[in-house]
Amino acid sequence: MPAIIQAMRESIIKQGGEVHFNSRLTDLKIENNKIKAVQINSADWKNSTHLILATGHSARDIFELLDSKK
C-alpha cells in the first residue's frame, strides 16, 4: 500500500499538482458550481480548478464545509 500511495503522490506532482501534509482545507471559492480557489490553514488562497481531498479519520469539518457550499 505505501508504494501505491507514493506513486499517486508522485503522479500528482508530475502533472503540476501539490500535496499538502498536515494541512487543513479551511475554505473554497466556488463560482458557477466550479472550484476557483482553495484556502489552506486559514492562510493564502491558491487558485485551483481540481481538488483531491484525502480527509483521513477526522473529516467532520470537511463535510460541514462542503455542505455549506451547496
N, C-alpha and C. Protein backbone atom coordinates (compact mmCIF):
# COMPACT_ATOMS: atom_id res chain seq x y z
N MET A 1 0.81 -1.20 0.00
CA MET A 1 0.00 0.00 0.00
C MET A 1 0.86 1.27 0.00
N PRO A 2 1.92 1.38 0.81
CA PRO A 2 2.73 2.60 0.77
C PRO A 2 3.29 2.92 -0.62
N ALA A 3 3.65 1.90 -1.38
CA ALA A 3 4.18 2.13 -2.73
C ALA A 3 3.11 2.72 -3.64
N ILE A 4 1.87 2.28 -3.47
CA ILE A 4 0.78 2.81 -4.28
C ILE A 4 0.54 4.27 -3.94
N ILE A 5 0.51 4.59 -2.67
CA ILE A 5 0.30 5.98 -2.23
C ILE A 5 1.43 6.87 -2.72
N GLN A 6 2.65 6.40 -2.63
CA GLN A 6 3.79 7.18 -3.11
C GLN A 6 3.69 7.41 -4.61
N ALA A 7 3.31 6.40 -5.38
CA ALA A 7 3.16 6.55 -6.82
C ALA A 7 2.06 7.55 -7.16
N MET A 8 0.96 7.53 -6.41
CA MET A 8 -0.12 8.50 -6.63
C MET A 8 0.38 9.92 -6.37
N ARG A 9 1.10 10.09 -5.26
CA ARG A 9 1.64 11.41 -4.92
C ARG A 9 2.59 11.90 -6.00
N GLU A 10 3.48 11.03 -6.45
CA GLU A 10 4.44 11.42 -7.49
C GLU A 10 3.74 11.77 -8.79
N SER A 11 2.67 11.05 -9.12
CA SER A 11 1.92 11.34 -10.33
C SER A 11 1.24 12.71 -10.24
N ILE A 12 0.67 13.01 -9.09
CA ILE A 12 0.03 14.32 -8.89
C ILE A 12 1.04 15.44 -9.07
N ILE A 13 2.20 15.30 -8.45
CA ILE A 13 3.25 16.32 -8.53
C ILE A 13 3.77 16.44 -9.96
N LYS A 14 3.97 15.32 -10.63
CA LYS A 14 4.48 15.31 -12.00
C LYS A 14 3.56 16.08 -12.94
N GLN A 15 2.26 16.04 -12.65
CA GLN A 15 1.29 16.72 -13.50
C GLN A 15 1.00 18.16 -13.05
N GLY A 16 1.83 18.67 -12.13
CA GLY A 16 1.70 20.06 -11.72
C GLY A 16 0.89 20.29 -10.46
N GLY A 17 0.46 19.21 -9.82
CA GLY A 17 -0.32 19.34 -8.59
C GLY A 17 0.55 19.56 -7.37
N GLU A 18 -0.08 19.79 -6.27
CA GLU A 18 0.61 19.99 -4.99
C GLU A 18 0.01 19.04 -3.96
N VAL A 19 0.84 18.62 -3.02
CA VAL A 19 0.40 17.77 -1.92
C VAL A 19 0.71 18.52 -0.63
N HIS A 20 -0.27 18.68 0.23
CA HIS A 20 -0.10 19.42 1.48
C HIS A 20 -0.38 18.49 2.65
N PHE A 21 0.70 18.09 3.34
CA PHE A 21 0.55 17.25 4.52
C PHE A 21 0.28 18.13 5.74
N ASN A 22 -0.36 17.54 6.73
CA ASN A 22 -0.64 18.25 7.99
C ASN A 22 -1.27 19.61 7.74
N SER A 23 -2.18 19.65 6.78
CA SER A 23 -2.84 20.89 6.41
C SER A 23 -4.35 20.70 6.50
N ARG A 24 -5.02 21.83 6.59
CA ARG A 24 -6.47 21.79 6.70
C ARG A 24 -7.08 22.71 5.64
N LEU A 25 -8.00 22.18 4.88
CA LEU A 25 -8.77 22.99 3.94
C LEU A 25 -9.75 23.81 4.77
N THR A 26 -9.62 25.14 4.70
CA THR A 26 -10.47 25.98 5.54
C THR A 26 -11.56 26.71 4.77
N ASP A 27 -11.42 26.81 3.44
CA ASP A 27 -12.48 27.44 2.66
C ASP A 27 -12.28 27.14 1.18
N LEU A 28 -13.35 27.32 0.44
CA LEU A 28 -13.36 27.13 -1.01
C LEU A 28 -14.02 28.34 -1.66
N LYS A 29 -13.49 28.77 -2.79
CA LYS A 29 -14.18 29.76 -3.62
C LYS A 29 -14.80 28.99 -4.78
N ILE A 30 -16.11 29.09 -4.89
CA ILE A 30 -16.83 28.39 -5.94
C ILE A 30 -17.63 29.42 -6.73
N GLU A 31 -17.47 29.37 -8.06
CA GLU A 31 -18.23 30.25 -8.95
C GLU A 31 -18.84 29.39 -10.05
N ASN A 32 -20.10 29.56 -10.31
CA ASN A 32 -20.81 28.78 -11.34
C ASN A 32 -20.63 27.29 -11.12
N ASN A 33 -20.73 26.87 -9.86
CA ASN A 33 -20.61 25.46 -9.48
C ASN A 33 -19.25 24.85 -9.80
N LYS A 34 -18.20 25.68 -9.88
CA LYS A 34 -16.85 25.19 -10.14
C LYS A 34 -15.88 25.75 -9.11
N ILE A 35 -14.95 24.92 -8.67
CA ILE A 35 -13.92 25.38 -7.73
C ILE A 35 -13.01 26.37 -8.45
N LYS A 36 -12.76 27.49 -7.82
CA LYS A 36 -11.86 28.51 -8.37
C LYS A 36 -10.59 28.66 -7.53
N ALA A 37 -10.73 28.45 -6.20
CA ALA A 37 -9.57 28.60 -5.31
C ALA A 37 -9.84 27.85 -4.01
N VAL A 38 -8.75 27.52 -3.34
CA VAL A 38 -8.85 26.85 -2.03
C VAL A 38 -8.02 27.63 -1.02
N GLN A 39 -8.47 27.61 0.21
CA GLN A 39 -7.72 28.24 1.29
C GLN A 39 -7.26 27.13 2.24
N ILE A 40 -5.97 27.14 2.54
CA ILE A 40 -5.39 26.10 3.39
C ILE A 40 -4.89 26.75 4.68
N ASN A 41 -5.27 26.15 5.81
CA ASN A 41 -4.85 26.63 7.13
C ASN A 41 -5.19 28.09 7.38
N SER A 42 -6.33 28.54 6.87
CA SER A 42 -6.79 29.92 7.03
C SER A 42 -5.74 30.93 6.58
N ALA A 43 -4.91 30.55 5.63
CA ALA A 43 -3.84 31.43 5.15
C ALA A 43 -4.11 31.81 3.69
N ASP A 44 -3.08 31.74 2.88
CA ASP A 44 -3.16 32.17 1.50
C ASP A 44 -4.17 31.34 0.70
N TRP A 45 -4.74 31.99 -0.29
CA TRP A 45 -5.61 31.32 -1.24
C TRP A 45 -4.77 30.81 -2.39
N LYS A 46 -5.08 29.63 -2.89
CA LYS A 46 -4.40 29.06 -4.05
C LYS A 46 -5.44 28.83 -5.14
N ASN A 47 -5.20 29.40 -6.32
CA ASN A 47 -6.10 29.15 -7.43
C ASN A 47 -6.07 27.68 -7.77
N SER A 48 -7.23 27.12 -8.03
CA SER A 48 -7.32 25.69 -8.31
C SER A 48 -8.62 25.38 -9.01
N THR A 49 -8.58 24.47 -9.96
CA THR A 49 -9.80 24.02 -10.61
C THR A 49 -10.08 22.56 -10.30
N HIS A 50 -9.12 21.89 -9.69
CA HIS A 50 -9.26 20.49 -9.31
C HIS A 50 -8.81 20.30 -7.87
N LEU A 51 -9.44 19.36 -7.19
CA LEU A 51 -9.12 19.14 -5.79
C LEU A 51 -9.32 17.68 -5.43
N ILE A 52 -8.34 17.10 -4.77
CA ILE A 52 -8.47 15.75 -4.22
C ILE A 52 -8.42 15.91 -2.71
N LEU A 53 -9.45 15.46 -2.03
CA LEU A 53 -9.48 15.54 -0.58
C LEU A 53 -9.14 14.17 0.01
N ALA A 54 -8.06 14.12 0.76
CA ALA A 54 -7.70 12.91 1.50
C ALA A 54 -7.93 13.25 2.97
N THR A 55 -9.13 13.00 3.43
CA THR A 55 -9.58 13.55 4.71
C THR A 55 -9.06 12.83 5.94
N GLY A 56 -8.58 11.61 5.80
CA GLY A 56 -8.14 10.89 6.98
C GLY A 56 -9.32 10.50 7.85
N HIS A 57 -9.08 10.31 9.12
CA HIS A 57 -10.12 9.78 10.00
C HIS A 57 -11.01 10.84 10.64
N SER A 58 -10.64 12.11 10.58
CA SER A 58 -11.43 13.17 11.22
C SER A 58 -11.91 14.14 10.15
N ALA A 59 -13.01 13.82 9.52
CA ALA A 59 -13.44 14.60 8.36
C ALA A 59 -14.70 15.43 8.59
N ARG A 60 -15.20 15.49 9.80
CA ARG A 60 -16.46 16.21 10.05
C ARG A 60 -16.39 17.65 9.56
N ASP A 61 -15.29 18.34 9.82
CA ASP A 61 -15.17 19.74 9.42
C ASP A 61 -15.20 19.89 7.89
N ILE A 62 -14.63 18.95 7.17
CA ILE A 62 -14.66 19.00 5.71
C ILE A 62 -16.09 18.79 5.20
N PHE A 63 -16.79 17.81 5.78
CA PHE A 63 -18.17 17.58 5.35
C PHE A 63 -19.04 18.81 5.63
N GLU A 64 -18.82 19.45 6.76
CA GLU A 64 -19.58 20.66 7.08
C GLU A 64 -19.26 21.79 6.12
N LEU A 65 -17.97 21.96 5.78
CA LEU A 65 -17.58 22.99 4.81
C LEU A 65 -18.22 22.73 3.46
N LEU A 66 -18.13 21.49 2.98
CA LEU A 66 -18.73 21.16 1.69
C LEU A 66 -20.24 21.36 1.70
N ASP A 67 -20.90 20.98 2.78
CA ASP A 67 -22.34 21.15 2.89
C ASP A 67 -22.74 22.62 2.87
N SER A 68 -21.91 23.47 3.45
CA SER A 68 -22.22 24.90 3.50
C SER A 68 -22.07 25.56 2.13
N LYS A 69 -21.41 24.90 1.21
CA LYS A 69 -21.15 25.48 -0.12
C LYS A 69 -22.20 25.12 -1.15
N LYS A 70 -23.18 24.32 -0.79
CA LYS A 70 -24.18 23.93 -1.80
C LYS A 70 -25.24 24.97 -2.01
